[in-house]
């Protein structure tokens, strides 16, 4: 019986260790959330272990039928360096809007990054976006800077 409990405990510990290696401890910074330009924005650094670290930005228009204009920009600097192009959601074409747009609801923009070191630091995330709906667009948010404190 003791041997069986030890085997089960060792297996559970192994699963936890594999999960930490593959997925990290998912978030070595506090997310920053704000509302500007008719959009609720959440910016976060995700420490995802072997899968790769990334900065994720979620943009959710306040209007229920709102959508995001496709001119979303994301730039990361400081103690994080981008190592891949920014991953934008697939853009749609709308007949009544002259630019491509993202689907209604929230849009997720991500970029894979490399951390300068495991020491605490700061990352600067610079955003640009614009919220639109069937009646028109809000003023564009350009060069919005957010600082993430890396733990």
Protein backbone atom coordinates (compact mmCIF):
# COMPACT_ATOMS: atom_id res chain seq x y z
CA UNK A 1 0.00 0.00 0.00
CA UNK A 2 2.81 2.44 0.90
CA UNK A 3 4.59 1.56 -2.35
CA UNK A 4 1.41 2.27 -4.36
CA UNK A 5 0.97 5.70 -2.66
CA UNK A 6 4.62 6.55 -3.37
CA UNK A 7 4.21 5.63 -7.04
CA UNK A 8 1.06 7.74 -7.35
CA UNK A 9 2.75 10.69 -5.61
CA UNK A 10 5.80 10.41 -7.90
CA UNK A 11 3.57 10.28 -10.98
CA UNK A 12 1.64 13.38 -9.85
CA UNK A 13 4.91 15.24 -9.22
CA UNK A 14 6.12 14.23 -12.70
CA UNK A 15 2.95 15.61 -14.30
CA UNK A 16 3.40 18.92 -12.45
CA UNK A 17 7.05 19.18 -13.52
CA UNK A 18 6.22 18.48 -17.17
CA UNK A 19 3.44 21.09 -17.09
CA UNK A 20 5.80 23.72 -15.64
CA UNK A 21 8.43 22.95 -18.29
CA UNK A 22 5.93 23.09 -21.15
CA UNK A 23 3.72 25.94 -20.01
CA UNK A 24 5.82 27.84 -17.46
CA UNK A 25 4.11 29.58 -14.59
CA UNK A 26 1.93 31.54 -17.03
CA UNK A 27 2.29 35.17 -16.17
CA UNK A 28 5.35 36.71 -14.55
CA UNK A 29 3.75 40.15 -14.55
CA UNK A 30 0.48 41.66 -13.48
CA UNK A 31 -1.76 42.39 -16.47
CA UNK A 32 -2.54 46.02 -17.21
CA UNK A 33 -6.17 46.82 -18.07
CA UNK A 34 -7.55 50.16 -19.22
CA UNK A 35 -10.33 51.64 -21.35
CA UNK A 36 -9.58 54.18 -24.06
CA UNK A 37 -11.09 55.04 -27.43
CA UNK A 38 -14.19 52.93 -26.78
CA UNK A 39 -12.13 49.78 -26.19
CA UNK A 40 -11.37 47.77 -23.06
CA UNK A 41 -7.72 46.71 -23.39
CA UNK A 42 -5.83 44.05 -21.44
CA UNK A 43 -2.04 43.78 -21.88
CA UNK A 44 -0.14 40.88 -20.33
CA UNK A 45 3.17 39.02 -20.43
CA UNK A 46 2.79 35.25 -20.45
CA UNK A 47 5.73 33.11 -19.37
CA UNK A 48 4.80 29.91 -21.17
CA UNK A 49 7.93 27.80 -20.66
CA UNK A 50 9.04 25.68 -23.62
CA UNK A 51 6.11 26.91 -25.73
CA UNK A 52 7.64 30.41 -25.69
CA UNK A 53 7.04 33.67 -23.87
CA UNK A 54 4.65 36.17 -25.39
CA UNK A 55 2.92 39.48 -24.92
CA UNK A 56 -0.82 39.21 -25.40
CA UNK A 57 -3.16 42.15 -25.95
CA UNK A 58 -6.93 41.66 -25.85
CA UNK A 59 -9.03 44.44 -27.39
CA UNK A 60 -12.76 44.43 -26.69
CA UNK A 61 -14.96 47.24 -28.06
CA UNK A 62 -17.41 48.64 -25.50
CA UNK A 63 -20.21 48.68 -28.11
CA UNK A 64 -21.94 45.30 -28.43
CA UNK A 65 -21.88 45.46 -32.22
CA UNK A 66 -18.46 47.10 -32.31
CA UNK A 67 -15.50 45.86 -34.24
CA UNK A 68 -11.85 46.80 -34.49
CA UNK A 69 -10.28 48.56 -37.46
CA UNK A 70 -7.42 46.53 -38.90
CA UNK A 71 -4.76 49.16 -38.26
CA UNK A 72 -3.87 47.57 -34.93
CA UNK A 73 -0.19 48.02 -34.07
CA UNK A 74 1.91 46.45 -31.33
CA UNK A 75 5.54 47.16 -30.46
CA UNK A 76 7.47 45.71 -27.51
CA UNK A 77 10.75 46.98 -26.05
CA UNK A 78 12.66 47.20 -22.77
CA UNK A 79 13.46 43.87 -21.11
CA UNK A 80 11.46 41.95 -23.75
CA UNK A 81 12.53 41.61 -27.40
CA UNK A 82 10.13 40.44 -30.12
CA UNK A 83 11.38 37.28 -31.86
CA UNK A 84 8.54 36.83 -34.36
CA UNK A 85 6.12 39.01 -36.31
CA UNK A 86 3.02 40.27 -34.52
CA UNK A 87 0.19 37.74 -34.79
CA UNK A 88 -3.03 39.55 -35.72
CA UNK A 89 -6.45 37.95 -36.03
CA UNK A 90 -7.68 37.33 -39.57
CA UNK A 91 -9.19 40.50 -41.00
CA UNK A 92 -12.62 40.61 -42.60
CA UNK A 93 -13.76 42.82 -45.45
CA UNK A 94 -16.90 44.87 -44.88
CA UNK A 95 -18.63 46.60 -47.79
CA UNK A 96 -19.54 49.70 -45.76
CA UNK A 97 -16.06 50.14 -44.23
CA UNK A 98 -13.10 51.15 -46.42
CA UNK A 99 -10.47 49.24 -44.38
CA UNK A 100 -10.26 45.59 -43.31
CA UNK A 101 -11.69 45.01 -39.82
CA UNK A 102 -11.59 42.33 -37.17
CA UNK A 103 -14.75 40.44 -36.27
CA UNK A 104 -17.17 41.74 -33.65
CA UNK A 105 -16.30 40.88 -30.09
CA UNK A 106 -12.74 40.86 -28.84
CA UNK A 107 -9.57 40.74 -30.91
CA UNK A 108 -6.41 39.11 -29.58
CA UNK A 109 -3.02 40.35 -30.76
CA UNK A 110 0.14 38.50 -29.71
CA UNK A 111 3.87 38.61 -30.26
CA UNK A 112 6.44 36.01 -29.20
CA UNK A 113 9.20 37.59 -27.14
CA UNK A 114 12.53 36.78 -25.52
CA UNK A 115 13.21 38.00 -22.02
CA UNK A 116 16.54 39.80 -21.41
CA UNK A 117 17.06 37.87 -18.14
CA UNK A 118 15.18 36.12 -15.36
CA UNK A 119 15.72 39.18 -13.15
CA UNK A 120 12.88 41.64 -12.50
CA UNK A 121 12.54 44.30 -15.17
CA UNK A 122 10.21 46.43 -17.26
CA UNK A 123 8.72 45.95 -20.70
CA UNK A 124 7.26 48.79 -22.73
CA UNK A 125 4.29 47.89 -24.93
CA UNK A 126 3.19 50.48 -27.49
CA UNK A 127 -0.29 50.08 -29.02
CA UNK A 128 -2.39 51.56 -31.73
CA UNK A 129 -6.01 50.66 -32.57
CA UNK A 130 -9.39 52.07 -33.52
CA UNK A 131 -12.91 50.98 -32.57
CA UNK A 132 -15.68 51.21 -35.13
CA UNK A 133 -19.31 50.20 -35.45
CA UNK A 134 -22.02 50.55 -38.09
CA UNK A 135 -22.35 54.29 -37.48
CA UNK A 136 -18.66 55.20 -37.72
CA UNK A 137 -15.33 55.07 -35.93
CA UNK A 138 -14.02 56.52 -32.68
CA UNK A 139 -10.81 58.57 -32.83
CA UNK A 140 -7.80 56.28 -33.29
CA UNK A 141 -5.60 55.53 -30.29
CA UNK A 142 -2.02 55.95 -31.50
CA UNK A 143 1.18 55.29 -29.56
CA UNK A 144 -0.52 54.30 -26.28
CA UNK A 145 2.29 53.17 -23.98
CA UNK A 146 1.85 50.56 -21.26
CA UNK A 147 4.58 49.43 -18.86
CA UNK A 148 4.60 45.81 -17.66
CA UNK A 149 6.58 45.04 -14.52
CA UNK A 150 8.31 41.69 -15.00
CA UNK A 151 8.78 39.63 -11.86
